[in-house]
Amino acid sequence: WPLQMVVDSAALEEYSSILRFLLAVKRARSALENTHSLRADPSATRRLHHPTSTLHMELSHFLVNLQQYCLDGVLLSATGTLSKHLAEARTLDAATKAHQEFLKEAKAKCFLSASPLAVALQTRIYSILSLALQYCHTCRRMEGKTANEELNRIAKDFRASHTFLLRVLTSQLRVTHQQHLKHLLMRLDYNEYYFAGIDKSAGLMTAMSIQ
């Protein structure tokens, strides 16, 4: 019964939201990895010629680094902090408070909170996950001109959402100086490949408009 008092039904719902998000990321990454095997098939390569040949690598880079950020940068770190606080807790209330702070931190850093900014970021992330699945479907099912048109559309939508995320995250880092945002930005755009020719100042206005 002590565990049920700390991890109550509300906490279980919080865990469910985090796990749903992680599973969605894992599903998109797994589908992309399977599609990579398909693209290695010479017959598939001859069937599908697409000028945006970097799209697969860009999607893969985003998914891998988003997943590692959530697992290592957020959950592993937060779990270590929770373990320390639970070891120091001397009352049930203290343990409950430590657990609630763990869930709050995990959801906030994974952009799963209810704030307008987090919702906007979450919407863009799920949009990219959907685009990754659409990309995999296109590579497997379509051919010729139709496939190229669809892949061009996916590439355009992905880069628009990706640019939005980088702009908003950069503006938030400037304002809040939160280290987890810095770590995520380093993962997503280490050498500023995506920011070449982009006005970073536009991100501040975007972030302010949705807060």
C-alpha atoms as a PDB file:
ATOM      1  CA  TRP A   1       0.000   0.000   0.000  1.00  0.00           C
ATOM      2  CA  PRO A   2       2.781   2.611   0.512  1.00  0.00           C
ATOM      3  CA  LEU A   3       3.654   2.349  -3.197  1.00  0.00           C
ATOM      4  CA  GLN A   4       0.050   3.014  -4.201  1.00  0.00           C
ATOM      5  CA  MET A   5       0.049   6.156  -2.082  1.00  0.00           C
ATOM      6  CA  VAL A   6       3.138   7.480  -3.876  1.00  0.00           C
ATOM      7  CA  VAL A   7       2.334   6.189  -7.375  1.00  0.00           C
ATOM      8  CA  ASP A   8      -1.379   6.877  -7.490  1.00  0.00           C
ATOM      9  CA  SER A   9      -3.732   6.860 -10.477  1.00  0.00           C
ATOM     10  CA  ALA A  10      -2.765  10.403 -11.454  1.00  0.00           C
ATOM     11  CA  ALA A  11       0.913   9.434 -11.458  1.00  0.00           C
ATOM     12  CA  LEU A  12       0.171   6.368 -13.581  1.00  0.00           C
ATOM     13  CA  GLU A  13      -1.503   8.601 -16.149  1.00  0.00           C
ATOM     14  CA  GLU A  14       1.605  10.781 -16.202  1.00  0.00           C
ATOM     15  CA  TYR A  15       3.746   7.700 -16.810  1.00  0.00           C
ATOM     16  CA  SER A  16       1.400   6.633 -19.599  1.00  0.00           C
ATOM     17  CA  SER A  17       1.790   9.953 -21.399  1.00  0.00           C
ATOM     18  CA  ILE A  18       5.584   9.693 -21.238  1.00  0.00           C
ATOM     19  CA  LEU A  19       5.591   6.077 -22.421  1.00  0.00           C
ATOM     20  CA  ARG A  20       3.187   6.825 -25.289  1.00  0.00           C
ATOM     21  CA  PHE A  21       5.549   9.517 -26.481  1.00  0.00           C
ATOM     22  CA  LEU A  22       8.622   7.298 -26.210  1.00  0.00           C
ATOM     23  CA  LEU A  23       6.869   4.470 -28.047  1.00  0.00           C
ATOM     24  CA  ALA A  24       5.864   6.840 -30.837  1.00  0.00           C
ATOM     25  CA  VAL A  25       9.498   7.889 -31.241  1.00  0.00           C
ATOM     26  CA  LYS A  26      10.674   4.271 -31.151  1.00  0.00           C
ATOM     27  CA  ARG A  27       8.064   3.233 -33.719  1.00  0.00           C
ATOM     28  CA  ALA A  28       9.141   5.932 -36.171  1.00  0.00           C
ATOM     29  CA  ARG A  29      12.819   5.140 -35.681  1.00  0.00           C
ATOM     30  CA  SER A  30      12.253   1.396 -36.129  1.00  0.00           C
ATOM     31  CA  ALA A  31      10.237   1.959 -39.318  1.00  0.00           C
ATOM     32  CA  LEU A  32      12.992   4.186 -40.682  1.00  0.00           C
ATOM     33  CA  GLU A  33      15.665   1.599 -39.908  1.00  0.00           C
ATOM     34  CA  ASN A  34      13.654  -1.074 -41.722  1.00  0.00           C
ATOM     35  CA  THR A  35      13.248   1.260 -44.679  1.00  0.00           C
ATOM     36  CA  HIS A  36      17.025   1.737 -44.740  1.00  0.00           C
ATOM     37  CA  SER A  37      17.368  -1.998 -45.355  1.00  0.00           C
ATOM     38  CA  LEU A  38      14.873  -1.686 -48.195  1.00  0.00           C
ATOM     39  CA  ARG A  39      16.798   1.183 -49.777  1.00  0.00           C
ATOM     40  CA  ALA A  40      19.933  -0.955 -49.720  1.00  0.00           C
ATOM     41  CA  ASP A  41      18.203  -3.334 -52.138  1.00  0.00           C
ATOM     42  CA  PRO A  42      19.446  -2.499 -55.686  1.00  0.00           C
ATOM     43  CA  SER A  43      16.015  -3.173 -57.172  1.00  0.00           C
ATOM     44  CA  ALA A  44      14.434  -0.688 -54.766  1.00  0.00           C
ATOM     45  CA  THR A  45      17.119   1.868 -55.535  1.00  0.00           C
ATOM     46  CA  ARG A  46      16.448   1.612 -59.264  1.00  0.00           C
ATOM     47  CA  ARG A  47      12.710   1.893 -58.685  1.00  0.00           C
ATOM     48  CA  LEU A  48      12.883   5.040 -56.542  1.00  0.00           C
ATOM     49  CA  HIS A  49      15.017   8.014 -57.557  1.00  0.00           C
ATOM     50  CA  HIS A  50      14.622  11.061 -55.366  1.00  0.00           C
ATOM     51  CA  PRO A  51      16.558  14.332 -55.544  1.00  0.00           C
ATOM     52  CA  THR A  52      16.251  14.936 -51.788  1.00  0.00           C
ATOM     53  CA  SER A  53      18.568  12.034 -51.014  1.00  0.00           C
ATOM     54  CA  THR A  54      19.497  13.469 -47.626  1.00  0.00           C
ATOM     55  CA  LEU A  55      15.927  13.222 -46.316  1.00  0.00           C
ATOM     56  CA  HIS A  56      16.417   9.724 -44.903  1.00  0.00           C
ATOM     57  CA  MET A  57      19.578  10.781 -43.066  1.00  0.00           C
ATOM     58  CA  GLU A  58      17.937  13.940 -41.725  1.00  0.00           C
ATOM     59  CA  LEU A  59      14.945  12.035 -40.387  1.00  0.00           C
ATOM     60  CA  SER A  60      17.185   9.381 -38.874  1.00  0.00           C
ATOM     61  CA  HIS A  61      19.426  11.990 -37.249  1.00  0.00           C
ATOM     62  CA  PHE A  62      16.432  13.727 -35.692  1.00  0.00           C
ATOM     63  CA  LEU A  63      14.826  10.544 -34.350  1.00  0.00           C
ATOM     64  CA  VAL A  64      18.030   9.059 -32.956  1.00  0.00           C
ATOM     65  CA  ASN A  65      18.976  12.240 -31.138  1.00  0.00           C
ATOM     66  CA  LEU A  66      15.464  12.941 -29.873  1.00  0.00           C
ATOM     67  CA  GLN A  67      15.261   9.422 -28.452  1.00  0.00           C
ATOM     68  CA  GLN A  68      18.679   9.610 -26.817  1.00  0.00           C
ATOM     69  CA  TYR A  69      17.889  13.046 -25.388  1.00  0.00           C
ATOM     70  CA  CYS A  70      14.703  11.726 -23.760  1.00  0.00           C
ATOM     71  CA  LEU A  71      16.231   8.505 -22.465  1.00  0.00           C
ATOM     72  CA  ASP A  72      19.696   9.646 -21.402  1.00  0.00           C
ATOM     73  CA  GLY A  73      19.436  13.404 -21.084  1.00  0.00           C
ATOM     74  CA  VAL A  74      16.080  13.497 -19.307  1.00  0.00           C
ATOM     75  CA  LEU A  75      14.899  10.215 -17.806  1.00  0.00           C
ATOM     76  CA  LEU A  76      18.243   8.750 -16.735  1.00  0.00           C
ATOM     77  CA  SER A  77      19.277  12.005 -15.092  1.00  0.00           C
ATOM     78  CA  ALA A  78      15.879  12.536 -13.453  1.00  0.00           C
ATOM     79  CA  THR A  79      15.817   8.952 -12.189  1.00  0.00           C
ATOM     80  CA  GLY A  80      19.178   9.441 -10.500  1.00  0.00           C
ATOM     81  CA  THR A  81      17.889  12.561  -8.780  1.00  0.00           C
ATOM     82  CA  LEU A  82      14.716  10.755  -7.714  1.00  0.00           C
ATOM     83  CA  SER A  83      16.703   7.867  -6.218  1.00  0.00           C
ATOM     84  CA  LYS A  84      18.790  10.300  -4.203  1.00  0.00           C
ATOM     85  CA  HIS A  85      15.749  12.153  -2.885  1.00  0.00           C
ATOM     86  CA  LEU A  86      13.926   8.928  -2.022  1.00  0.00           C
ATOM     87  CA  ALA A  87      16.958   7.714  -0.084  1.00  0.00           C
ATOM     88  CA  GLU A  88      16.927  10.959   1.887  1.00  0.00           C
ATOM     89  CA  ALA A  89      13.157  10.956   2.466  1.00  0.00           C
ATOM     90  CA  ARG A  90      12.091  10.226   6.027  1.00  0.00           C
ATOM     91  CA  THR A  91       8.344  10.536   5.582  1.00  0.00           C
ATOM     92  CA  LEU A  92       5.755   9.367   3.088  1.00  0.00           C
ATOM     93  CA  ASP A  93       5.004  12.978   2.194  1.00  0.00           C
ATOM     94  CA  ALA A  94       8.643  13.609   1.351  1.00  0.00           C
ATOM     95  CA  ALA A  95       8.744  10.530  -0.875  1.00  0.00           C
ATOM     96  CA  THR A  96       5.522  11.579  -2.601  1.00  0.00           C
ATOM     97  CA  LYS A  97       6.845  15.080  -3.198  1.00  0.00           C
ATOM     98  CA  ALA A  98      10.098  13.736  -4.660  1.00  0.00           C
ATOM     99  CA  HIS A  99       8.173  11.478  -7.016  1.00  0.00           C
ATOM    100  CA  GLN A 100       5.866  14.285  -8.125  1.00  0.00           C
ATOM    101  CA  GLU A 101       8.855  16.515  -8.853  1.00  0.00           C
ATOM    102  CA  PHE A 102      10.414  13.697 -10.889  1.00  0.00           C
ATOM    103  CA  LEU A 103       7.320  13.354 -13.066  1.00  0.00           C
ATOM    104  CA  LYS A 104       6.965  17.115 -13.454  1.00  0.00           C
ATOM    105  CA  GLU A 105      10.586  17.460 -14.548  1.00  0.00           C
ATOM    106  CA  ALA A 106      10.397  14.509 -16.952  1.00  0.00           C
ATOM    107  CA  LYS A 107       7.233  15.778 -18.637  1.00  0.00           C
ATOM    108  CA  ALA A 108       8.495  19.350 -18.875  1.00  0.00           C
ATOM    109  CA  LYS A 109      11.837  18.393 -20.424  1.00  0.00           C
ATOM    110  CA  CYS A 110      10.116  16.039 -22.886  1.00  0.00           C
ATOM    111  CA  PHE A 111       7.741  18.902 -23.789  1.00  0.00           C
ATOM    112  CA  LEU A 112       4.687  16.997 -22.556  1.00  0.00           C
ATOM    113  CA  SER A 113       3.369  19.604 -20.144  1.00  0.00           C
ATOM    114  CA  ALA A 114       0.211  21.609 -20.760  1.00  0.00           C
ATOM    115  CA  SER A 115       1.870  24.986 -21.353  1.00  0.00           C
ATOM    116  CA  PRO A 116       1.146  26.611 -24.748  1.00  0.00           C
ATOM    117  CA  LEU A 117       4.833  26.510 -25.681  1.00  0.00           C
ATOM    118  CA  ALA A 118       5.189  22.822 -24.810  1.00  0.00           C
ATOM    119  CA  VAL A 119       2.004  21.997 -26.723  1.00  0.00           C
ATOM    120  CA  ALA A 120       3.326  23.828 -29.799  1.00  0.00           C
ATOM    121  CA  LEU A 121       6.646  21.960 -29.621  1.00  0.00           C
ATOM    122  CA  GLN A 122       4.899  18.651 -28.979  1.00  0.00           C
ATOM    123  CA  THR A 123       2.664  19.199 -32.012  1.00  0.00           C
ATOM    124  CA  ARG A 124       5.676  19.771 -34.259  1.00  0.00           C
ATOM    125  CA  ILE A 125       7.497  16.736 -32.883  1.00  0.00           C
ATOM    126  CA  TYR A 126       4.505  14.478 -33.496  1.00  0.00           C
ATOM    127  CA  SER A 127       4.223  15.988 -36.967  1.00  0.00           C
ATOM    128  CA  ILE A 128       7.790  14.910 -37.705  1.00  0.00           C
ATOM    129  CA  LEU A 129       7.097  11.420 -36.350  1.00  0.00           C
ATOM    130  CA  SER A 130       4.128  11.201 -38.716  1.00  0.00           C
ATOM    131  CA  LEU A 131       6.261  12.432 -41.624  1.00  0.00           C
ATOM    132  CA  ALA A 132       8.837   9.727 -40.907  1.00  0.00           C
ATOM    133  CA  LEU A 133       6.128   7.065 -41.174  1.00  0.00           C
ATOM    134  CA  GLN A 134       4.798   8.661 -44.364  1.00  0.00           C
ATOM    135  CA  TYR A 135       8.321   8.587 -45.781  1.00  0.00           C
ATOM    136  CA  CYS A 136       8.625   4.874 -45.006  1.00  0.00           C
ATOM    137  CA  HIS A 137       5.249   4.162 -46.603  1.00  0.00           C
ATOM    138  CA  THR A 138       6.208   6.101 -49.724  1.00  0.00           C
ATOM    139  CA  CYS A 139       9.503   4.249 -50.095  1.00  0.00           C
ATOM    140  CA  ARG A 140       7.723   0.909 -49.838  1.00  0.00           C
ATOM    141  CA  ARG A 141       4.547   1.499 -51.825  1.00  0.00           C
ATOM    142  CA  MET A 142       5.044   4.200 -54.438  1.00  0.00           C
ATOM    143  CA  GLU A 143       7.107   4.440 -57.588  1.00  0.00           C
ATOM    144  CA  GLY A 144       8.360   6.966 -60.117  1.00  0.00           C
ATOM    145  CA  LYS A 145       6.998  10.517 -60.376  1.00  0.00           C
ATOM    146  CA  THR A 146       4.272  10.005 -57.771  1.00  0.00           C
ATOM    147  CA  ALA A 147       6.817   8.912 -55.170  1.00  0.00           C
ATOM    148  CA  ASN A 148       9.152  11.812 -55.951  1.00  0.00           C
ATOM    149  CA  GLU A 149       6.357  14.345 -55.578  1.00  0.00           C
ATOM    150  CA  GLU A 150       5.320  12.841 -52.245  1.00  0.00           C
ATOM    151  CA  LEU A 151       8.904  12.722 -50.974  1.00  0.00           C
ATOM    152  CA  ASN A 152       9.427  16.344 -51.979  1.00  0.00           C
ATOM    153  CA  ARG A 153       6.331  17.260 -49.983  1.00  0.00           C
ATOM    154  CA  ILE A 154       7.548  15.276 -46.953  1.00  0.00           C
ATOM    155  CA  ALA A 155      10.995  16.877 -47.157  1.00  0.00           C
ATOM    156  CA  LYS A 156       9.485  20.365 -47.286  1.00  0.00           C
ATOM    157  CA  ASP A 157       7.176  19.703 -44.318  1.00  0.00           C
ATOM    158  CA  PHE A 158       9.944  18.089 -42.273  1.00  0.00           C
ATOM    159  CA  ARG A 159      12.335  20.987 -42.742  1.00  0.00           C
ATOM    160  CA  ALA A 160       9.624  23.504 -41.891  1.00  0.00           C
ATOM    161  CA  SER A 161       8.815  21.734 -38.610  1.00  0.00           C
ATOM    162  CA  HIS A 162      12.500  21.129 -37.852  1.00  0.00           C
ATOM    163  CA  THR A 163      13.322  24.806 -38.401  1.00  0.00           C
ATOM    164  CA  PHE A 164      10.416  25.825 -36.161  1.00  0.00           C
ATOM    165  CA  LEU A 165      11.721  23.587 -33.367  1.00  0.00           C
ATOM    166  CA  LEU A 166      15.269  24.920 -33.622  1.00  0.00           C
ATOM    167  CA  ARG A 167      14.142  28.544 -33.664  1.00  0.00           C
ATOM    168  CA  VAL A 168      11.864  28.185 -30.644  1.00  0.00           C
ATOM    169  CA  LEU A 169      14.338  26.085 -28.647  1.00  0.00           C
ATOM    170  CA  THR A 170      17.107  28.584 -29.365  1.00  0.00           C
ATOM    171  CA  SER A 171      14.970  31.518 -28.225  1.00  0.00           C
ATOM    172  CA  GLN A 172      13.990  29.654 -25.053  1.00  0.00           C
ATOM    173  CA  LEU A 173      17.624  28.881 -24.313  1.00  0.00           C
ATOM    174  CA  ARG A 174      18.483  32.569 -24.600  1.00  0.00           C
ATOM    175  CA  VAL A 175      15.748  33.489 -22.136  1.00  0.00           C
ATOM    176  CA  THR A 176      15.907  30.632 -19.613  1.00  0.00           C
ATOM    177  CA  HIS A 177      19.498  29.334 -19.969  1.00  0.00           C
ATOM    178  CA  GLN A 178      18.223  25.824 -19.220  1.00  0.00           C
ATOM    179  CA  GLN A 179      20.939  23.244 -19.796  1.00  0.00           C
ATOM    180  CA  HIS A 180      18.641  20.549 -21.173  1.00  0.00           C
ATOM    181  CA  LEU A 181      17.684  22.867 -24.047  1.00  0.00           C
ATOM    182  CA  LYS A 182      21.347  23.462 -24.788  1.00  0.00           C
ATOM    183  CA  HIS A 183      22.017  19.719 -24.832  1.00  0.00           C
ATOM    184  CA  LEU A 184      19.052  19.041 -27.131  1.00  0.00           C
ATOM    185  CA  LEU A 185      20.082  21.785 -29.552  1.00  0.00           C
ATOM    186  CA  MET A 186      23.621  20.398 -29.657  1.00  0.00           C
ATOM    187  CA  ARG A 187      22.201  17.013 -30.541  1.00  0.00           C
ATOM    188  CA  LEU A 188      19.826  18.277 -33.211  1.00  0.00           C
ATOM    189  CA  ASP A 189      22.137  20.781 -34.882  1.00  0.00           C
ATOM    190  CA  TYR A 190      25.692  20.342 -33.615  1.00  0.00           C
ATOM    191  CA  ASN A 191      27.436  22.145 -36.489  1.00  0.00           C
ATOM    192  CA  GLU A 192      24.531  24.513 -37.281  1.00  0.00           C
ATOM    193  CA  TYR A 193      23.889  22.774 -40.582  1.00  0.00           C
ATOM    194  CA  TYR A 194      20.170  23.506 -40.370  1.00  0.00           C
ATOM    195  CA  PHE A 195      20.639  27.103 -39.257  1.00  0.00           C
ATOM    196  CA  ALA A 196      22.655  28.101 -42.318  1.00  0.00           C
ATOM    197  CA  GLY A 197      20.873  31.080 -43.840  1.00  0.00           C
ATOM    198  CA  ILE A 198      18.140  31.119 -41.158  1.00  0.00           C
ATOM    199  CA  ASP A 199      17.341  34.192 -39.101  1.00  0.00           C
ATOM    200  CA  LYS A 200      17.632  32.965 -35.510  1.00  0.00           C
ATOM    201  CA  SER A 201      16.045  36.124 -34.124  1.00  0.00           C
ATOM    202  CA  ALA A 202      12.733  35.041 -35.652  1.00  0.00           C
ATOM    203  CA  GLY A 203      12.549  32.296 -33.040  1.00  0.00           C
ATOM    204  CA  LEU A 204      12.140  34.741 -30.176  1.00  0.00           C
ATOM    205  CA  MET A 205       9.108  36.340 -31.786  1.00  0.00           C
ATOM    206  CA  THR A 206       7.649  32.908 -32.530  1.00  0.00           C
ATOM    207  CA  ALA A 207       8.137  31.738 -28.950  1.00  0.00           C
ATOM    208  CA  MET A 208       6.635  34.921 -27.509  1.00  0.00           C
ATOM    209  CA  SER A 209       3.581  34.617 -29.748  1.00  0.00           C
ATOM    210  CA  ILE A 210       2.681  31.151 -28.443  1.00  0.00           C
ATOM    211  CA  GLN A 211       3.433  31.628 -24.753  1.00  0.00           C
END
